[in-house]
Amino acid sequence: PGVLFSCACRDVLGWGFAEGRLEIFYGAGDWLGLRLPHGAAPQVVARLQAVTRGCEARELVLPRGAGGRRGFRVDPSGVVTAVTRFSFAETAGLRPGT
């Protein structure tokens, strides 16, 4: 088998499972969806946990606060840099560094 995708381990932001496939988030918020053979997901996730600083992604639905603000800031690499106190984002569990 050939290489399907390659990026530096430090560029992996996280991963998640959706509709029977693994989604890997990397770089500045880009993502790649892969269909894996049955039973392969735990092995792939264990490897991601071992070699990256990423974590399992969680989808958050965040309504906008007063003035249409989301309550958080993100840097160009896709990492949350600030979360406004008492915002919907903070209440939902969003934290700087995620």
N, C-alpha and C. Protein backbone atom coordinates (compact mmCIF):
# COMPACT_ATOMS: atom_id res chain seq x y z
N PRO A 1 0.82 -1.20 0.00
CA PRO A 1 0.00 0.00 0.00
C PRO A 1 0.87 1.26 0.00
N GLY A 2 0.41 2.28 -0.69
CA GLY A 2 1.13 3.55 -0.75
C GLY A 2 0.68 4.51 0.34
N VAL A 3 1.33 5.64 0.39
CA VAL A 3 1.01 6.68 1.39
C VAL A 3 -0.23 7.43 0.91
N LEU A 4 -1.23 7.54 1.78
CA LEU A 4 -2.46 8.27 1.46
C LEU A 4 -2.38 9.72 1.89
N PHE A 5 -1.72 9.94 3.01
CA PHE A 5 -1.70 11.27 3.63
C PHE A 5 -0.46 11.36 4.50
N SER A 6 0.16 12.50 4.51
CA SER A 6 1.33 12.69 5.34
C SER A 6 1.35 14.12 5.88
N CYS A 7 1.58 14.25 7.17
CA CYS A 7 1.80 15.56 7.79
C CYS A 7 2.63 15.32 9.04
N ALA A 8 3.25 16.36 9.54
CA ALA A 8 4.05 16.24 10.76
C ALA A 8 3.15 15.96 11.95
N CYS A 9 3.63 15.14 12.87
CA CYS A 9 2.84 14.81 14.06
C CYS A 9 2.42 16.06 14.82
N ARG A 10 3.29 17.08 14.85
CA ARG A 10 2.97 18.31 15.58
C ARG A 10 1.80 19.07 14.96
N ASP A 11 1.47 18.77 13.69
CA ASP A 11 0.39 19.47 13.00
C ASP A 11 -0.99 18.86 13.24
N VAL A 12 -1.05 17.69 13.87
CA VAL A 12 -2.35 17.05 14.12
C VAL A 12 -3.01 17.74 15.31
N LEU A 13 -4.18 18.31 15.05
CA LEU A 13 -4.94 19.02 16.08
C LEU A 13 -5.86 18.07 16.85
N GLY A 14 -6.43 17.12 16.13
CA GLY A 14 -7.37 16.20 16.77
C GLY A 14 -7.98 15.26 15.76
N TRP A 15 -8.92 14.45 16.22
CA TRP A 15 -9.59 13.49 15.37
C TRP A 15 -10.98 13.22 15.93
N GLY A 16 -11.82 12.68 15.09
CA GLY A 16 -13.18 12.35 15.51
C GLY A 16 -13.77 11.30 14.59
N PHE A 17 -14.83 10.68 15.04
CA PHE A 17 -15.53 9.69 14.25
C PHE A 17 -16.86 10.26 13.80
N ALA A 18 -17.15 10.13 12.52
CA ALA A 18 -18.42 10.61 11.99
C ALA A 18 -18.87 9.70 10.86
N GLU A 19 -20.08 9.20 10.97
CA GLU A 19 -20.68 8.39 9.90
C GLU A 19 -19.76 7.27 9.43
N GLY A 20 -19.18 6.53 10.37
CA GLY A 20 -18.37 5.38 10.02
C GLY A 20 -16.99 5.70 9.47
N ARG A 21 -16.53 6.92 9.64
CA ARG A 21 -15.20 7.25 9.16
C ARG A 21 -14.45 8.04 10.22
N LEU A 22 -13.13 8.05 10.08
CA LEU A 22 -12.27 8.79 10.97
C LEU A 22 -11.93 10.11 10.30
N GLU A 23 -12.10 11.21 11.02
CA GLU A 23 -11.73 12.53 10.50
C GLU A 23 -10.52 13.00 11.29
N ILE A 24 -9.46 13.39 10.58
CA ILE A 24 -8.24 13.90 11.20
C ILE A 24 -8.16 15.39 10.89
N PHE A 25 -8.04 16.19 11.94
CA PHE A 25 -7.94 17.65 11.81
C PHE A 25 -6.48 18.03 11.98
N TYR A 26 -5.95 18.86 11.08
CA TYR A 26 -4.52 19.17 11.11
C TYR A 26 -4.27 20.57 10.57
N GLY A 27 -3.05 21.04 10.75
CA GLY A 27 -2.64 22.33 10.19
C GLY A 27 -3.45 23.47 10.74
N ALA A 28 -4.02 24.26 9.84
CA ALA A 28 -4.80 25.44 10.22
C ALA A 28 -6.29 25.12 10.21
N GLY A 29 -6.65 23.92 10.63
CA GLY A 29 -8.05 23.53 10.68
C GLY A 29 -8.50 22.73 9.48
N ASP A 30 -7.57 22.29 8.64
CA ASP A 30 -7.92 21.41 7.52
C ASP A 30 -8.28 20.04 8.08
N TRP A 31 -8.96 19.24 7.28
CA TRP A 31 -9.31 17.90 7.74
C TRP A 31 -9.31 16.91 6.60
N LEU A 32 -9.18 15.66 6.97
CA LEU A 32 -9.16 14.55 6.03
C LEU A 32 -10.06 13.46 6.59
N GLY A 33 -10.97 12.95 5.79
CA GLY A 33 -11.84 11.87 6.22
C GLY A 33 -11.38 10.55 5.62
N LEU A 34 -11.30 9.51 6.46
CA LEU A 34 -10.86 8.19 6.02
C LEU A 34 -11.87 7.13 6.43
N ARG A 35 -12.18 6.24 5.53
CA ARG A 35 -12.96 5.05 5.90
C ARG A 35 -11.95 3.97 6.25
N LEU A 36 -12.12 3.39 7.43
CA LEU A 36 -11.18 2.39 7.92
C LEU A 36 -11.82 1.01 7.89
N PRO A 37 -11.00 -0.02 7.74
CA PRO A 37 -11.54 -1.38 7.83
C PRO A 37 -12.17 -1.60 9.21
N HIS A 38 -13.15 -2.45 9.27
CA HIS A 38 -13.85 -2.74 10.53
C HIS A 38 -12.84 -3.14 11.61
N GLY A 39 -12.90 -2.48 12.76
CA GLY A 39 -12.04 -2.81 13.89
C GLY A 39 -10.70 -2.12 13.88
N ALA A 40 -10.38 -1.34 12.85
CA ALA A 40 -9.06 -0.69 12.76
C ALA A 40 -9.00 0.64 13.53
N ALA A 41 -10.14 1.26 13.79
CA ALA A 41 -10.17 2.58 14.43
C ALA A 41 -9.42 2.62 15.76
N PRO A 42 -9.61 1.66 16.67
CA PRO A 42 -8.89 1.73 17.95
C PRO A 42 -7.36 1.74 17.78
N GLN A 43 -6.85 1.00 16.81
CA GLN A 43 -5.40 0.98 16.57
C GLN A 43 -4.92 2.33 16.05
N VAL A 44 -5.67 2.93 15.14
CA VAL A 44 -5.29 4.22 14.58
C VAL A 44 -5.34 5.29 15.66
N VAL A 45 -6.39 5.29 16.48
CA VAL A 45 -6.52 6.28 17.55
C VAL A 45 -5.40 6.11 18.57
N ALA A 46 -5.06 4.88 18.92
CA ALA A 46 -3.96 4.64 19.87
C ALA A 46 -2.66 5.22 19.32
N ARG A 47 -2.44 5.06 18.04
CA ARG A 47 -1.22 5.61 17.42
C ARG A 47 -1.25 7.14 17.44
N LEU A 48 -2.40 7.73 17.11
CA LEU A 48 -2.53 9.19 17.15
C LEU A 48 -2.26 9.73 18.56
N GLN A 49 -2.79 9.05 19.57
CA GLN A 49 -2.59 9.48 20.95
C GLN A 49 -1.12 9.38 21.35
N ALA A 50 -0.43 8.38 20.82
CA ALA A 50 0.97 8.15 21.18
C ALA A 50 1.93 9.14 20.54
N VAL A 51 1.63 9.57 19.31
CA VAL A 51 2.63 10.35 18.58
C VAL A 51 2.25 11.80 18.30
N THR A 52 1.05 12.23 18.69
CA THR A 52 0.65 13.62 18.44
C THR A 52 0.25 14.28 19.75
N ARG A 53 0.10 15.60 19.70
CA ARG A 53 -0.40 16.33 20.86
C ARG A 53 -1.90 16.57 20.74
N GLY A 54 -2.51 16.04 19.69
CA GLY A 54 -3.94 16.20 19.46
C GLY A 54 -4.77 15.36 20.41
N CYS A 55 -6.08 15.52 20.31
CA CYS A 55 -7.00 14.75 21.14
C CYS A 55 -8.29 14.53 20.36
N GLU A 56 -9.16 13.72 20.91
CA GLU A 56 -10.43 13.48 20.23
C GLU A 56 -11.23 14.77 20.15
N ALA A 57 -11.71 15.06 18.97
CA ALA A 57 -12.47 16.30 18.74
C ALA A 57 -13.91 16.12 19.20
N ARG A 58 -14.47 17.21 19.65
CA ARG A 58 -15.86 17.25 20.08
C ARG A 58 -16.54 18.38 19.34
N GLU A 59 -17.71 18.13 18.81
CA GLU A 59 -18.43 19.20 18.11
C GLU A 59 -19.25 19.99 19.12
N LEU A 60 -19.09 21.31 19.08
CA LEU A 60 -19.85 22.19 19.95
C LEU A 60 -20.71 23.11 19.10
N VAL A 61 -21.95 23.24 19.46
CA VAL A 61 -22.84 24.19 18.80
C VAL A 61 -22.93 25.39 19.73
N LEU A 62 -22.36 26.50 19.27
CA LEU A 62 -22.29 27.68 20.12
C LEU A 62 -23.11 28.82 19.53
N PRO A 63 -24.17 29.21 20.21
CA PRO A 63 -24.90 30.38 19.73
C PRO A 63 -24.05 31.63 19.93
N ARG A 64 -24.33 32.63 19.16
CA ARG A 64 -23.62 33.90 19.31
C ARG A 64 -24.19 34.67 20.49
N GLY A 65 -23.31 35.37 21.18
CA GLY A 65 -23.72 36.18 22.32
C GLY A 65 -24.15 37.56 21.85
N ALA A 66 -24.22 38.48 22.80
CA ALA A 66 -24.61 39.86 22.50
C ALA A 66 -23.67 40.45 21.45
N GLY A 67 -24.21 41.14 20.51
CA GLY A 67 -23.40 41.75 19.46
C GLY A 67 -22.90 40.77 18.42
N GLY A 68 -23.41 39.53 18.43
CA GLY A 68 -23.01 38.54 17.44
C GLY A 68 -21.66 37.89 17.69
N ARG A 69 -21.11 38.08 18.87
CA ARG A 69 -19.78 37.53 19.18
C ARG A 69 -19.90 36.06 19.58
N ARG A 70 -18.86 35.31 19.23
CA ARG A 70 -18.84 33.88 19.55
C ARG A 70 -18.28 33.58 20.94
N GLY A 71 -17.51 34.49 21.50
CA GLY A 71 -17.00 34.29 22.85
C GLY A 71 -15.64 33.61 22.91
N PHE A 72 -14.95 33.49 21.78
CA PHE A 72 -13.60 32.93 21.80
C PHE A 72 -12.81 33.43 20.60
N ARG A 73 -11.47 33.31 20.70
CA ARG A 73 -10.57 33.68 19.60
C ARG A 73 -9.71 32.49 19.24
N VAL A 74 -9.37 32.41 17.95
CA VAL A 74 -8.56 31.31 17.44
C VAL A 74 -7.38 31.89 16.67
N ASP A 75 -6.18 31.30 16.86
CA ASP A 75 -5.02 31.78 16.10
C ASP A 75 -5.00 31.14 14.71
N PRO A 76 -4.10 31.57 13.83
CA PRO A 76 -4.08 31.05 12.46
C PRO A 76 -3.87 29.54 12.36
N SER A 77 -3.31 28.91 13.40
CA SER A 77 -3.09 27.47 13.34
C SER A 77 -4.32 26.68 13.80
N GLY A 78 -5.39 27.37 14.21
CA GLY A 78 -6.62 26.69 14.62
C GLY A 78 -6.74 26.43 16.10
N VAL A 79 -5.84 26.96 16.90
CA VAL A 79 -5.86 26.75 18.34
C VAL A 79 -6.57 27.92 19.03
N VAL A 80 -7.44 27.60 19.98
CA VAL A 80 -8.17 28.63 20.74
C VAL A 80 -7.18 29.38 21.62
N THR A 81 -7.15 30.69 21.49
CA THR A 81 -6.22 31.51 22.27
C THR A 81 -6.88 32.20 23.45
N ALA A 82 -8.18 32.46 23.38
CA ALA A 82 -8.87 33.15 24.47
C ALA A 82 -10.35 32.77 24.46
N VAL A 83 -10.90 32.65 25.65
CA VAL A 83 -12.33 32.37 25.82
C VAL A 83 -12.90 33.42 26.77
N THR A 84 -13.96 34.09 26.36
CA THR A 84 -14.58 35.12 27.17
C THR A 84 -15.29 34.49 28.37
N ARG A 85 -15.04 35.05 29.53
CA ARG A 85 -15.68 34.55 30.76
C ARG A 85 -17.20 34.63 30.64
N PHE A 86 -17.85 33.59 31.11
CA PHE A 86 -19.31 33.49 31.17
C PHE A 86 -19.97 33.47 29.79
N SER A 87 -19.22 33.22 28.73
CA SER A 87 -19.79 33.14 27.39
C SER A 87 -20.36 31.74 27.15
N PHE A 88 -21.12 31.59 26.07
CA PHE A 88 -21.63 30.27 25.70
C PHE A 88 -20.47 29.31 25.47
N ALA A 89 -19.36 29.82 24.91
CA ALA A 89 -18.18 28.99 24.64
C ALA A 89 -17.60 28.43 25.94
N GLU A 90 -17.46 29.28 26.95
CA GLU A 90 -16.91 28.82 28.23
C GLU A 90 -17.87 27.83 28.89
N THR A 91 -19.15 28.13 28.86
CA THR A 91 -20.15 27.24 29.46
C THR A 91 -20.14 25.86 28.81
N ALA A 92 -19.89 25.81 27.48
CA ALA A 92 -19.86 24.55 26.76
C ALA A 92 -18.57 23.77 27.00
N GLY A 93 -17.57 24.40 27.64
CA GLY A 93 -16.34 23.69 27.96
C GLY A 93 -15.15 24.05 27.09
N LEU A 94 -15.29 25.03 26.20
CA LEU A 94 -14.17 25.44 25.37
C LEU A 94 -13.13 26.14 26.23
N ARG A 95 -11.86 25.77 26.05
CA ARG A 95 -10.78 26.33 26.85
C ARG A 95 -9.62 26.75 25.95
N PRO A 96 -8.82 27.73 26.37
CA PRO A 96 -7.63 28.10 25.61
C PRO A 96 -6.71 26.89 25.44
N GLY A 97 -6.13 26.79 24.27
CA GLY A 97 -5.22 25.67 23.98
C GLY A 97 -5.90 24.51 23.26
N THR A 98 -7.22 24.55 23.16
CA THR A 98 -7.92 23.46 22.47
C THR A 98 -8.05 23.75 21.00
